[in-house]
Amino acid sequence: MEEIRKKRTGVLLIQLGTPDSPKLSDVKVYLKEFLNDPRVIDYPAFKRNLLVNGIIIPFRVKNSTKIYQELWDLSGGTSPLLTYSESKKKLLQERFKDEDVTVHLAMRYRNPSMDIVLEEMRRQNYDKIIILPLFPQYASASGGTAIEKAINIIRKWWVIPEISTVVDFYDHKDYIDAVVERTKEFDIKSYDRILFSYHGLPDQHVDKVYDDGLCEDQPCETELNNKNRFCYKAQCYATTRAIADKLGLTEDDYTVAFQSRLNKKWLTPFSDKVVEDWAKEGAKRILAFSPAFVADCLETIVEIGVEYHEDFQKLGGEIVQLVPSTNDHPRFIDCLEDLVRNRM
């Protein structure tokens, strides 16, 4: 009797990316690749080139390099995003050690390069490839661009295997539980303000989700429906409600805000302004979540953990305490395993 061949699956975990080092030359290369992506800065090519290569890079690269150096210093001389992503890959692979599943890791920008990693996967001749961007909430500038690049590479192959894609997991039980487990490291009742800070997006990015009308016309702060299903803002609020429910928090107990803006036409309220206003109101202790990030990085460790904390203290506050990202917490690996198994 002919033996039935076992089907082989390749899993591609995709993170945003990181400079190869905190040297100015490496930071410059990273920022140029990142900011020239039309899904990140969705201007016409000429305008985007002028803005990025003529203004942002020349005037901001030195300051960005200082911040990345600070991140490296605070993280033992390495990129925490890369370190935690590699740990995720290893731990997820262990969950499939006795199965025909191989886990790979690539960055949308810089290294490990998606071109090189997918070429390795092509040579493995998998029956199926599962594309899993590590972004809980969908945004064109994160999960969208990661999926687009992977598909653009794969579509050039002569043999294209079965493809399955994870678009988001903003409400996955194990992801929510991983965030909640991280909170257990702190006495939540000892904080007088709770902040859920998500990475910001230009207003026009969420507006493009809708065929008619704007994001502000939708009840994104209170519900997720068929129309705003893929709206980043709506998913952020949905994630927050799920976490708050597990923690026994009411809507009056926390504030959702958005960080890392480039100008005023981004999602509001702005996290840094919320922290500033709370300090002026006499708040002393802030507990800050960053659920959009599943690996601690510049935006969590430096922007929230250092900059917001220092600014808060200057205005009379005592502490902005960052709740660590899910990183390689076992419950988050449970989430990744479940996402993969559901698509096998």
C-alpha atoms as a PDB file:
ATOM      1  CA  MET A   1       0.000   0.000   0.000  1.00  0.00           C
ATOM      2  CA  GLU A   2       1.387   3.394  -0.955  1.00  0.00           C
ATOM      3  CA  GLU A   3       2.435   5.500   2.031  1.00  0.00           C
ATOM      4  CA  ILE A   4       0.557   8.770   2.424  1.00  0.00           C
ATOM      5  CA  ARG A   5       2.987  11.687   2.327  1.00  0.00           C
ATOM      6  CA  LYS A   6       2.746  14.111   5.216  1.00  0.00           C
ATOM      7  CA  LYS A   7       2.135  17.681   4.169  1.00  0.00           C
ATOM      8  CA  ARG A   8       4.732  20.218   5.238  1.00  0.00           C
ATOM      9  CA  THR A   9       3.936  23.720   6.476  1.00  0.00           C
ATOM     10  CA  GLY A  10       6.148  26.789   6.675  1.00  0.00           C
ATOM     11  CA  VAL A  11       5.183  29.580   9.052  1.00  0.00           C
ATOM     12  CA  LEU A  12       6.469  33.090   8.368  1.00  0.00           C
ATOM     13  CA  LEU A  13       6.433  35.412  11.374  1.00  0.00           C
ATOM     14  CA  ILE A  14       6.862  39.027  10.270  1.00  0.00           C
ATOM     15  CA  GLN A  15       7.859  41.962  12.475  1.00  0.00           C
ATOM     16  CA  LEU A  16       8.200  45.594  11.440  1.00  0.00           C
ATOM     17  CA  GLY A  17      11.974  45.857  11.567  1.00  0.00           C
ATOM     18  CA  THR A  18      14.930  47.397  13.321  1.00  0.00           C
ATOM     19  CA  PRO A  19      18.218  49.030  12.362  1.00  0.00           C
ATOM     20  CA  ASP A  20      21.094  46.546  12.214  1.00  0.00           C
ATOM     21  CA  SER A  21      22.842  48.661  14.840  1.00  0.00           C
ATOM     22  CA  PRO A  22      22.395  52.076  16.490  1.00  0.00           C
ATOM     23  CA  LYS A  23      25.055  53.575  14.215  1.00  0.00           C
ATOM     24  CA  LEU A  24      23.928  56.573  12.184  1.00  0.00           C
ATOM     25  CA  SER A  25      24.564  54.790   8.880  1.00  0.00           C
ATOM     26  CA  ASP A  26      22.396  51.799   9.864  1.00  0.00           C
ATOM     27  CA  VAL A  27      19.622  53.953  11.293  1.00  0.00           C
ATOM     28  CA  LYS A  28      19.593  56.023   8.096  1.00  0.00           C
ATOM     29  CA  VAL A  29      19.272  52.929   5.890  1.00  0.00           C
ATOM     30  CA  TYR A  30      16.464  51.587   8.050  1.00  0.00           C
ATOM     31  CA  LEU A  31      14.503  54.850   8.109  1.00  0.00           C
ATOM     32  CA  LYS A  32      14.857  55.314   4.350  1.00  0.00           C
ATOM     33  CA  GLU A  33      13.439  51.857   3.662  1.00  0.00           C
ATOM     34  CA  PHE A  34      10.681  52.266   6.251  1.00  0.00           C
ATOM     35  CA  LEU A  35       9.517  55.789   5.462  1.00  0.00           C
ATOM     36  CA  ASN A  36       9.669  55.394   1.677  1.00  0.00           C
ATOM     37  CA  ASP A  37       7.049  52.651   1.868  1.00  0.00           C
ATOM     38  CA  PRO A  38       3.879  54.061   0.218  1.00  0.00           C
ATOM     39  CA  ARG A  39       1.737  52.220   2.770  1.00  0.00           C
ATOM     40  CA  VAL A  40       3.528  54.088   5.571  1.00  0.00           C
ATOM     41  CA  ILE A  41       3.538  57.553   4.033  1.00  0.00           C
ATOM     42  CA  ASP A  42       0.752  57.377   1.486  1.00  0.00           C
ATOM     43  CA  TYR A  43       1.631  60.417  -0.584  1.00  0.00           C
ATOM     44  CA  PRO A  44       2.299  60.443  -4.338  1.00  0.00           C
ATOM     45  CA  ALA A  45       5.835  59.220  -5.055  1.00  0.00           C
ATOM     46  CA  PHE A  46       7.315  62.651  -5.799  1.00  0.00           C
ATOM     47  CA  LYS A  47       5.851  64.251  -2.673  1.00  0.00           C
ATOM     48  CA  ARG A  48       6.842  61.290  -0.498  1.00  0.00           C
ATOM     49  CA  ASN A  49      10.395  61.296  -1.851  1.00  0.00           C
ATOM     50  CA  LEU A  50      10.723  65.024  -1.175  1.00  0.00           C
ATOM     51  CA  LEU A  51       9.320  64.741   2.330  1.00  0.00           C
ATOM     52  CA  VAL A  52      11.270  61.650   3.391  1.00  0.00           C
ATOM     53  CA  ASN A  53      14.586  62.055   1.621  1.00  0.00           C
ATOM     54  CA  GLY A  54      14.654  65.836   1.539  1.00  0.00           C
ATOM     55  CA  ILE A  55      13.294  66.709   4.977  1.00  0.00           C
ATOM     56  CA  ILE A  56      12.689  63.863   7.451  1.00  0.00           C
ATOM     57  CA  ILE A  57      15.889  61.858   6.939  1.00  0.00           C
ATOM     58  CA  PRO A  58      18.361  64.783   6.771  1.00  0.00           C
ATOM     59  CA  PHE A  59      16.873  66.609   9.763  1.00  0.00           C
ATOM     60  CA  ARG A  60      15.859  63.709  12.014  1.00  0.00           C
ATOM     61  CA  VAL A  61      18.377  60.935  11.511  1.00  0.00           C
ATOM     62  CA  LYS A  62      20.854  62.239  14.110  1.00  0.00           C
ATOM     63  CA  ASN A  63      18.192  62.494  16.806  1.00  0.00           C
ATOM     64  CA  SER A  64      16.779  59.086  15.833  1.00  0.00           C
ATOM     65  CA  THR A  65      20.259  57.611  16.131  1.00  0.00           C
ATOM     66  CA  LYS A  66      20.581  58.962  19.686  1.00  0.00           C
ATOM     67  CA  ILE A  67      17.257  57.386  20.620  1.00  0.00           C
ATOM     68  CA  TYR A  68      18.198  54.021  19.132  1.00  0.00           C
ATOM     69  CA  GLN A  69      21.518  54.160  20.982  1.00  0.00           C
ATOM     70  CA  GLU A  70      19.576  54.765  24.192  1.00  0.00           C
ATOM     71  CA  LEU A  71      17.353  51.789  23.385  1.00  0.00           C
ATOM     72  CA  TRP A  72      20.368  49.552  22.781  1.00  0.00           C
ATOM     73  CA  ASP A  73      21.951  50.746  26.046  1.00  0.00           C
ATOM     74  CA  LEU A  74      18.775  50.041  28.006  1.00  0.00           C
ATOM     75  CA  SER A  75      18.446  46.595  26.410  1.00  0.00           C
ATOM     76  CA  GLY A  76      21.882  45.133  26.983  1.00  0.00           C
ATOM     77  CA  GLY A  77      23.399  46.222  23.679  1.00  0.00           C
ATOM     78  CA  THR A  78      20.847  44.586  21.387  1.00  0.00           C
ATOM     79  CA  SER A  79      17.565  45.361  19.678  1.00  0.00           C
ATOM     80  CA  PRO A  80      14.815  44.111  22.024  1.00  0.00           C
ATOM     81  CA  LEU A  81      12.394  43.792  19.111  1.00  0.00           C
ATOM     82  CA  LEU A  82      14.754  41.419  17.319  1.00  0.00           C
ATOM     83  CA  THR A  83      15.640  39.546  20.508  1.00  0.00           C
ATOM     84  CA  TYR A  84      12.020  38.917  21.490  1.00  0.00           C
ATOM     85  CA  SER A  85      11.031  38.080  17.920  1.00  0.00           C
ATOM     86  CA  GLU A  86      13.756  35.446  17.700  1.00  0.00           C
ATOM     87  CA  SER A  87      12.617  34.074  21.046  1.00  0.00           C
ATOM     88  CA  LYS A  88       9.037  33.841  19.757  1.00  0.00           C
ATOM     89  CA  LYS A  89      10.242  31.925  16.722  1.00  0.00           C
ATOM     90  CA  LYS A  90      12.170  29.458  18.878  1.00  0.00           C
ATOM     91  CA  LEU A  91       9.388  28.929  21.393  1.00  0.00           C
ATOM     92  CA  LEU A  92       6.736  28.526  18.703  1.00  0.00           C
ATOM     93  CA  GLN A  93       8.928  26.017  16.883  1.00  0.00           C
ATOM     94  CA  GLU A  94       9.100  23.951  20.081  1.00  0.00           C
ATOM     95  CA  ARG A  95       5.308  23.679  20.032  1.00  0.00           C
ATOM     96  CA  PHE A  96       5.607  21.881  16.663  1.00  0.00           C
ATOM     97  CA  LYS A  97       8.779  19.884  17.313  1.00  0.00           C
ATOM     98  CA  ASP A  98       7.122  16.574  16.402  1.00  0.00           C
ATOM     99  CA  GLU A  99       5.205  17.903  13.413  1.00  0.00           C
ATOM    100  CA  ASP A 100       6.065  18.880   9.839  1.00  0.00           C
ATOM    101  CA  VAL A 101       5.952  22.584  10.634  1.00  0.00           C
ATOM    102  CA  THR A 102       8.926  24.951  10.384  1.00  0.00           C
ATOM    103  CA  VAL A 103       8.837  28.473  11.758  1.00  0.00           C
ATOM    104  CA  HIS A 104      10.715  31.309  10.056  1.00  0.00           C
ATOM    105  CA  LEU A 105      11.180  34.953  11.041  1.00  0.00           C
ATOM    106  CA  ALA A 106      11.586  37.984   8.787  1.00  0.00           C
ATOM    107  CA  MET A 107      11.446  41.747   9.153  1.00  0.00           C
ATOM    108  CA  ARG A 108       9.440  43.951   6.819  1.00  0.00           C
ATOM    109  CA  TYR A 109      12.367  46.377   6.850  1.00  0.00           C
ATOM    110  CA  ARG A 110      16.030  45.350   7.130  1.00  0.00           C
ATOM    111  CA  ASN A 111      17.128  42.021   8.597  1.00  0.00           C
ATOM    112  CA  PRO A 112      16.406  39.168   8.629  1.00  0.00           C
ATOM    113  CA  SER A 113      15.367  40.145   5.124  1.00  0.00           C
ATOM    114  CA  MET A 114      12.008  38.929   3.852  1.00  0.00           C
ATOM    115  CA  ASP A 115      13.535  38.348   0.412  1.00  0.00           C
ATOM    116  CA  ILE A 116      16.197  36.017   1.823  1.00  0.00           C
ATOM    117  CA  VAL A 117      13.892  34.218   4.266  1.00  0.00           C
ATOM    118  CA  LEU A 118      11.190  33.601   1.662  1.00  0.00           C
ATOM    119  CA  GLU A 119      13.813  32.309  -0.777  1.00  0.00           C
ATOM    120  CA  GLU A 120      14.815  29.801   1.903  1.00  0.00           C
ATOM    121  CA  MET A 121      11.142  28.861   2.265  1.00  0.00           C
ATOM    122  CA  ARG A 122      10.747  28.476  -1.501  1.00  0.00           C
ATOM    123  CA  ARG A 123      13.611  26.012  -1.544  1.00  0.00           C
ATOM    124  CA  GLN A 124      11.942  24.018   1.224  1.00  0.00           C
ATOM    125  CA  ASN A 125       9.055  23.340  -1.186  1.00  0.00           C
ATOM    126  CA  TYR A 126       6.365  23.581   1.485  1.00  0.00           C
ATOM    127  CA  ASP A 127       2.849  22.408   0.733  1.00  0.00           C
ATOM    128  CA  LYS A 128       1.503  25.402   2.607  1.00  0.00           C
ATOM    129  CA  ILE A 129       2.839  28.717   3.879  1.00  0.00           C
ATOM    130  CA  ILE A 130       1.166  30.630   6.707  1.00  0.00           C
ATOM    131  CA  ILE A 131       1.944  34.353   6.748  1.00  0.00           C
ATOM    132  CA  LEU A 132       1.641  35.706  10.298  1.00  0.00           C
ATOM    133  CA  PRO A 133       2.421  39.409  10.801  1.00  0.00           C
ATOM    134  CA  LEU A 134       3.004  40.135  14.492  1.00  0.00           C
ATOM    135  CA  PHE A 135       0.564  43.050  14.659  1.00  0.00           C
ATOM    136  CA  PRO A 136      -2.584  42.434  16.722  1.00  0.00           C
ATOM    137  CA  GLN A 137      -4.561  45.285  15.164  1.00  0.00           C
ATOM    138  CA  TYR A 138      -4.698  45.585  11.386  1.00  0.00           C
ATOM    139  CA  ALA A 139      -3.234  48.677   9.743  1.00  0.00           C
ATOM    140  CA  SER A 140      -2.141  49.124   6.157  1.00  0.00           C
ATOM    141  CA  ALA A 141       1.157  50.558   7.453  1.00  0.00           C
ATOM    142  CA  SER A 142       1.980  47.436   9.497  1.00  0.00           C
ATOM    143  CA  GLY A 143       0.211  44.169   8.714  1.00  0.00           C
ATOM    144  CA  GLY A 144      -0.923  45.399   5.323  1.00  0.00           C
ATOM    145  CA  THR A 145       2.543  46.213   4.037  1.00  0.00           C
ATOM    146  CA  ALA A 146       4.003  43.017   5.528  1.00  0.00           C
ATOM    147  CA  ILE A 147       1.414  40.864   3.757  1.00  0.00           C
ATOM    148  CA  GLU A 148       1.757  42.828   0.532  1.00  0.00           C
ATOM    149  CA  LYS A 149       5.518  42.353   0.361  1.00  0.00           C
ATOM    150  CA  ALA A 150       5.310  38.643   1.153  1.00  0.00           C
ATOM    151  CA  ILE A 151       2.690  38.105  -1.561  1.00  0.00           C
ATOM    152  CA  ASN A 152       4.650  40.195  -4.080  1.00  0.00           C
ATOM    153  CA  ILE A 153       7.676  37.970  -3.534  1.00  0.00           C
ATOM    154  CA  ILE A 154       5.725  34.699  -3.621  1.00  0.00           C
ATOM    155  CA  ARG A 155       3.743  35.622  -6.756  1.00  0.00           C
ATOM    156  CA  LYS A 156       6.995  35.539  -8.762  1.00  0.00           C
ATOM    157  CA  TRP A 157       7.648  31.888  -7.864  1.00  0.00           C
ATOM    158  CA  TRP A 158       7.040  29.296 -10.553  1.00  0.00           C
ATOM    159  CA  VAL A 159       5.411  27.002  -8.005  1.00  0.00           C
ATOM    160  CA  ILE A 160       3.070  28.778  -5.604  1.00  0.00           C
ATOM    161  CA  PRO A 161       1.951  26.645  -2.633  1.00  0.00           C
ATOM    162  CA  GLU A 162      -1.240  27.052  -0.659  1.00  0.00           C
ATOM    163  CA  ILE A 163      -1.126  30.374   1.199  1.00  0.00           C
ATOM    164  CA  SER A 164      -2.953  31.332   4.385  1.00  0.00           C
ATOM    165  CA  THR A 165      -2.718  34.744   6.014  1.00  0.00           C
ATOM    166  CA  VAL A 166      -3.372  36.028   9.529  1.00  0.00           C
ATOM    167  CA  VAL A 167      -4.743  39.542   9.130  1.00  0.00           C
ATOM    168  CA  ASP A 168      -5.187  40.415  12.811  1.00  0.00           C
ATOM    169  CA  PHE A 169      -5.696  38.927  16.276  1.00  0.00           C
ATOM    170  CA  TYR A 170      -6.776  41.978  18.273  1.00  0.00           C
ATOM    171  CA  ASP A 171      -9.324  40.002  20.317  1.00  0.00           C
ATOM    172  CA  HIS A 172      -7.682  36.584  20.505  1.00  0.00           C
ATOM    173  CA  LYS A 173      -8.251  35.162  23.976  1.00  0.00           C
ATOM    174  CA  ASP A 174      -4.630  34.096  24.525  1.00  0.00           C
ATOM    175  CA  TYR A 175      -3.276  37.458  23.357  1.00  0.00           C
ATOM    176  CA  ILE A 176      -5.611  39.278  25.736  1.00  0.00           C
ATOM    177  CA  ASP A 177      -4.673  36.890  28.545  1.00  0.00           C
ATOM    178  CA  ALA A 178      -0.964  37.502  27.896  1.00  0.00           C
ATOM    179  CA  VAL A 179      -1.462  41.257  28.364  1.00  0.00           C
ATOM    180  CA  VAL A 180      -3.483  40.634  31.524  1.00  0.00           C
ATOM    181  CA  GLU A 181      -0.804  38.301  32.893  1.00  0.00           C
ATOM    182  CA  ARG A 182       1.780  41.042  32.409  1.00  0.00           C
ATOM    183  CA  THR A 183      -0.365  43.344  34.528  1.00  0.00           C
ATOM    184  CA  LYS A 184      -0.125  40.969  37.483  1.00  0.00           C
ATOM    185  CA  GLU A 185       3.425  42.230  38.022  1.00  0.00           C
ATOM    186  CA  PHE A 186       1.905  45.477  39.308  1.00  0.00           C
ATOM    187  CA  ASP A 187      -0.617  46.576  41.940  1.00  0.00           C
ATOM    188  CA  ILE A 188      -3.108  48.187  39.582  1.00  0.00           C
ATOM    189  CA  LYS A 189      -5.015  49.801  42.450  1.00  0.00           C
ATOM    190  CA  SER A 190      -1.956  51.844  43.421  1.00  0.00           C
ATOM    191  CA  TYR A 191      -2.165  53.901  40.183  1.00  0.00           C
ATOM    192  CA  ASP A 192      -4.504  56.844  39.840  1.00  0.00           C
ATOM    193  CA  ARG A 193      -4.526  56.819  36.021  1.00  0.00           C
ATOM    194  CA  ILE A 194      -4.467  53.980  33.495  1.00  0.00           C
ATOM    195  CA  LEU A 195      -3.353  54.637  29.917  1.00  0.00           C
ATOM    196  CA  PHE A 196      -3.766  52.369  26.898  1.00  0.00           C
ATOM    197  CA  SER A 197      -1.333  53.843  24.380  1.00  0.00           C
ATOM    198  CA  TYR A 198      -1.399  52.563  20.797  1.00  0.00           C
ATOM    199  CA  HIS A 199       0.868  53.530  17.941  1.00  0.00           C
ATOM    200  CA  GLY A 200      -0.659  56.439  16.078  1.00  0.00           C
ATOM    201  CA  LEU A 201      -1.741  56.617  12.446  1.00  0.00           C
ATOM    202  CA  PRO A 202      -2.595  59.526  10.151  1.00  0.00           C
ATOM    203  CA  ASP A 203      -6.348  60.174  10.078  1.00  0.00           C
ATOM    204  CA  GLN A 204      -6.350  59.510   6.338  1.00  0.00           C
ATOM    205  CA  HIS A 205      -5.142  55.935   6.926  1.00  0.00           C
ATOM    206  CA  VAL A 206      -8.233  54.957   8.887  1.00  0.00           C
ATOM    207  CA  ASP A 207     -10.483  57.047   6.640  1.00  0.00           C
ATOM    208  CA  LYS A 208      -9.382  54.924   3.658  1.00  0.00           C
ATOM    209  CA  VAL A 209     -10.934  51.869   5.295  1.00  0.00           C
ATOM    210  CA  TYR A 210     -14.369  53.242   4.392  1.00  0.00           C
ATOM    211  CA  ASP A 211     -15.814  53.414   0.882  1.00  0.00           C
ATOM    212  CA  ASP A 212     -17.917  56.357   1.990  1.00  0.00           C
ATOM    213  CA  GLY A 213     -17.676  58.669   4.959  1.00  0.00           C
ATOM    214  CA  LEU A 214     -14.859  59.031   7.463  1.00  0.00           C
ATOM    215  CA  CYS A 215     -13.679  57.181  10.535  1.00  0.00           C
ATOM    216  CA  GLU A 216     -15.133  59.892  12.736  1.00  0.00           C
ATOM    217  CA  ASP A 217     -18.575  59.010  11.365  1.00  0.00           C
ATOM    218  CA  GLN A 218     -18.312  55.521  12.882  1.00  0.00           C
ATOM    219  CA  PRO A 219     -18.795  54.403  16.512  1.00  0.00           C
ATOM    220  CA  CYS A 220     -15.199  53.104  16.644  1.00  0.00           C
ATOM    221  CA  GLU A 221     -14.757  54.022  20.330  1.00  0.00           C
ATOM    222  CA  THR A 222     -17.704  51.900  21.422  1.00  0.00           C
ATOM    223  CA  GLU A 223     -18.313  49.056  18.990  1.00  0.00           C
ATOM    224  CA  LEU A 224     -16.867  46.929  16.223  1.00  0.00           C
ATOM    225  CA  ASN A 225     -19.269  46.255  13.360  1.00  0.00           C
ATOM    226  CA  ASN A 226     -19.195  44.992   9.790  1.00  0.00           C
ATOM    227  CA  LYS A 227     -18.341  48.432   8.452  1.00  0.00           C
ATOM    228  CA  ASN A 228     -15.454  49.313  10.796  1.00  0.00           C
ATOM    229  CA  ARG A 229     -14.235  45.716  11.128  1.00  0.00           C
ATOM    230  CA  PHE A 230     -10.809  46.555   9.672  1.00  0.00           C
ATOM    231  CA  CYS A 231     -10.477  50.038  11.133  1.00  0.00           C
ATOM    232  CA  TYR A 232      -7.329  50.223  13.224  1.00  0.00           C
ATOM    233  CA  LYS A 233      -8.918  52.651  15.666  1.00  0.00           C
ATOM    234  CA  ALA A 234     -11.958  50.431  16.181  1.00  0.00           C
ATOM    235  CA  GLN A 235      -9.758  47.386  16.753  1.00  0.00           C
ATOM    236  CA  CYS A 236      -7.625  49.273  19.295  1.00  0.00           C
ATOM    237  CA  TYR A 237     -10.705  50.158  21.294  1.00  0.00           C
ATOM    238  CA  ALA A 238     -11.977  46.574  20.996  1.00  0.00           C
ATOM    239  CA  THR A 239      -8.672  45.265  22.351  1.00  0.00           C
ATOM    240  CA  THR A 240      -8.843  47.729  25.217  1.00  0.00           C
ATOM    241  CA  ARG A 241     -12.388  46.714  26.134  1.00  0.00           C
ATOM    242  CA  ALA A 242     -11.357  43.056  26.191  1.00  0.00           C
ATOM    243  CA  ILE A 243      -8.366  43.741  28.456  1.00  0.00           C
ATOM    244  CA  ALA A 244     -10.358  46.066  30.703  1.00  0.00           C
ATOM    245  CA  ASP A 245     -13.096  43.465  31.074  1.00  0.00           C
ATOM    246  CA  LYS A 246     -10.549  40.874  32.235  1.00  0.00           C
ATOM    247  CA  LEU A 247      -9.106  43.380  34.708  1.00  0.00           C
ATOM    248  CA  GLY A 248     -12.496  44.462  36.017  1.00  0.00           C
ATOM    249  CA  LEU A 249     -12.078  48.045  34.783  1.00  0.00           C
ATOM    250  CA  THR A 250     -14.897  50.328  33.688  1.00  0.00           C
ATOM    251  CA  GLU A 251     -14.660  52.906  30.895  1.00  0.00           C
ATOM    252  CA  ASP A 252     -14.161  55.611  33.522  1.00  0.00           C
ATOM    253  CA  ASP A 253     -11.030  53.845  34.803  1.00  0.00           C
ATOM    254  CA  TYR A 254      -8.845  54.259  31.713  1.00  0.00           C
ATOM    255  CA  THR A 255      -8.067  56.357  28.654  1.00  0.00           C
ATOM    256  CA  VAL A 256      -7.183  55.191  25.131  1.00  0.00           C
ATOM    257  CA  ALA A 257      -4.654  57.373  23.320  1.00  0.00           C
ATOM    258  CA  PHE A 258      -2.208  57.256  20.413  1.00  0.00           C
ATOM    259  CA  GLN A 259       1.524  57.945  20.359  1.00  0.00           C
ATOM    260  CA  SER A 260       4.412  58.594  17.949  1.00  0.00           C
ATOM    261  CA  ARG A 261       2.621  61.139  15.767  1.00  0.00           C
ATOM    262  CA  LEU A 262       4.356  63.130  13.057  1.00  0.00           C
ATOM    263  CA  ASN A 263       1.815  65.948  12.893  1.00  0.00           C
ATOM    264  CA  LYS A 264      -1.570  67.040  14.240  1.00  0.00           C
ATOM    265  CA  LYS A 265      -3.590  65.144  11.613  1.00  0.00           C
ATOM    266  CA  TRP A 266      -3.152  61.838  13.414  1.00  0.00           C
ATOM    267  CA  LEU A 267      -5.452  59.814  15.633  1.00  0.00           C
ATOM    268  CA  THR A 268      -6.332  61.566  18.875  1.00  0.00           C
ATOM    269  CA  PRO A 269      -6.059  61.953  21.780  1.00  0.00           C
ATOM    270  CA  PHE A 270      -2.258  62.078  21.760  1.00  0.00           C
ATOM    271  CA  SER A 271      -0.667  59.998  24.510  1.00  0.00           C
ATOM    272  CA  ASP A 272       1.949  62.580  25.487  1.00  0.00           C
ATOM    273  CA  LYS A 273      -0.699  65.270  25.824  1.00  0.00           C
ATOM    274  CA  VAL A 274      -2.859  62.995  27.969  1.00  0.00           C
ATOM    275  CA  VAL A 275       0.097  62.380  30.297  1.00  0.00           C
ATOM    276  CA  GLU A 276       0.795  66.119  30.427  1.00  0.00           C
ATOM    277  CA  ASP A 277      -2.846  66.947  31.235  1.00  0.00           C
ATOM    278  CA  TRP A 278      -2.970  64.316  33.967  1.00  0.00           C
ATOM    279  CA  ALA A 279       0.132  65.796  35.592  1.00  0.00           C
ATOM    280  CA  LYS A 280      -1.467  69.248  35.568  1.00  0.00           C
ATOM    281  CA  GLU A 281      -4.563  67.750  37.190  1.00  0.00           C
ATOM    282  CA  GLY A 282      -2.424  66.419  40.033  1.00  0.00           C
ATOM    283  CA  ALA A 283      -2.136  62.769  39.046  1.00  0.00           C
ATOM    284  CA  LYS A 284       0.880  61.017  40.570  1.00  0.00           C
ATOM    285  CA  ARG A 285       1.011  57.464  39.254  1.00  0.00           C
ATOM    286  CA  ILE A 286       0.239  56.240  35.743  1.00  0.00           C
ATOM    287  CA  LEU A 287       0.135  52.623  34.600  1.00  0.00           C
ATOM    288  CA  ALA A 288       0.686  52.518  30.837  1.00  0.00           C
ATOM    289  CA  PHE A 289      -0.196  49.637  28.504  1.00  0.00           C
ATOM    290  CA  SER A 290       1.054  49.352  24.919  1.00  0.00           C
ATOM    291  CA  PRO A 291      -1.103  46.557  23.416  1.00  0.00           C
ATOM    292  CA  ALA A 292      -0.249  47.310  19.775  1.00  0.00           C
ATOM    293  CA  PHE A 293       3.304  46.084  20.411  1.00  0.00           C
ATOM    294  CA  VAL A 294       3.936  42.382  21.048  1.00  0.00           C
ATOM    295  CA  ALA A 295       7.654  43.028  21.534  1.00  0.00           C
ATOM    296  CA  ASP A 296       9.143  45.859  23.543  1.00  0.00           C
ATOM    297  CA  CYS A 297      10.878  48.370  21.317  1.00  0.00           C
ATOM    298  CA  LEU A 298      11.767  52.043  20.961  1.00  0.00           C
ATOM    299  CA  GLU A 299       8.127  53.127  21.277  1.00  0.00           C
ATOM    300  CA  THR A 300       7.576  51.278  24.542  1.00  0.00           C
ATOM    301  CA  ILE A 301      10.922  51.270  26.353  1.00  0.00           C
ATOM    302  CA  VAL A 302      12.098  54.757  25.393  1.00  0.00           C
ATOM    303  CA  GLU A 303       9.037  56.746  24.373  1.00  0.00           C
ATOM    304  CA  ILE A 304       6.729  55.596  27.180  1.00  0.00           C
ATOM    305  CA  GLY A 305       9.121  54.175  29.763  1.00  0.00           C
ATOM    306  CA  VAL A 306      11.655  57.000  29.638  1.00  0.00           C
ATOM    307  CA  GLU A 307      10.326  60.097  27.854  1.00  0.00           C
ATOM    308  CA  TYR A 308       6.765  60.078  29.174  1.00  0.00           C
ATOM    309  CA  HIS A 309       8.035  59.196  32.642  1.00  0.00           C
ATOM    310  CA  GLU A 310      10.557  62.051  32.691  1.00  0.00           C
ATOM    311  CA  ASP A 311       8.067  64.580  31.310  1.00  0.00           C
ATOM    312  CA  PHE A 312       5.493  63.484  33.887  1.00  0.00           C
ATOM    313  CA  GLN A 313       7.977  63.934  36.723  1.00  0.00           C
ATOM    314  CA  LYS A 314       8.934  67.405  35.518  1.00  0.00           C
ATOM    315  CA  LEU A 315       5.283  68.411  35.857  1.00  0.00           C
ATOM    316  CA  GLY A 316       4.969  67.031  39.384  1.00  0.00           C
ATOM    317  CA  GLY A 317       4.042  63.418  38.772  1.00  0.00           C
ATOM    318  CA  GLU A 318       5.827  60.482  40.356  1.00  0.00           C
ATOM    319  CA  ILE A 319       5.896  57.637  37.849  1.00  0.00           C
ATOM    320  CA  VAL A 320       4.744  56.437  34.442  1.00  0.00           C
ATOM    321  CA  GLN A 321       5.033  52.673  34.799  1.00  0.00           C
ATOM    322  CA  LEU A 322       5.189  50.744  31.538  1.00  0.00           C
ATOM    323  CA  VAL A 323       3.512  47.340  31.500  1.00  0.00           C
ATOM    324  CA  PRO A 324       5.917  45.183  29.445  1.00  0.00           C
ATOM    325  CA  SER A 325       4.709  43.947  26.082  1.00  0.00           C
ATOM    326  CA  THR A 326       3.653  40.324  25.669  1.00  0.00           C
ATOM    327  CA  ASN A 327       7.179  39.602  24.382  1.00  0.00           C
ATOM    328  CA  ASP A 328       7.785  35.846  24.763  1.00  0.00           C
ATOM    329  CA  HIS A 329       5.224  35.227  27.511  1.00  0.00           C
ATOM    330  CA  PRO A 330       3.875  31.628  27.345  1.00  0.00           C
ATOM    331  CA  ARG A 331       0.301  32.837  26.901  1.00  0.00           C
ATOM    332  CA  PHE A 332       1.320  34.797  23.821  1.00  0.00           C
ATOM    333  CA  ILE A 333       3.048  31.735  22.389  1.00  0.00           C
ATOM    334  CA  ASP A 334      -0.271  29.950  23.025  1.00  0.00           C
ATOM    335  CA  CYS A 335      -1.879  32.642  20.848  1.00  0.00           C
ATOM    336  CA  LEU A 336       0.590  32.145  18.005  1.00  0.00           C
ATOM    337  CA  GLU A 337       0.238  28.369  18.192  1.00  0.00           C
ATOM    338  CA  ASP A 338      -3.535  28.603  18.006  1.00  0.00           C
ATOM    339  CA  LEU A 339      -3.396  30.999  15.050  1.00  0.00           C
ATOM    340  CA  VAL A 340      -1.148  28.561  13.181  1.00  0.00           C
ATOM    341  CA  ARG A 341      -3.121  25.432  14.033  1.00  0.00           C
ATOM    342  CA  ASN A 342      -6.377  27.032  12.911  1.00  0.00           C
ATOM    343  CA  ARG A 343      -4.826  27.530   9.466  1.00  0.00           C
ATOM    344  CA  MET A 344      -3.091  24.199   9.052  1.00  0.00           C
END
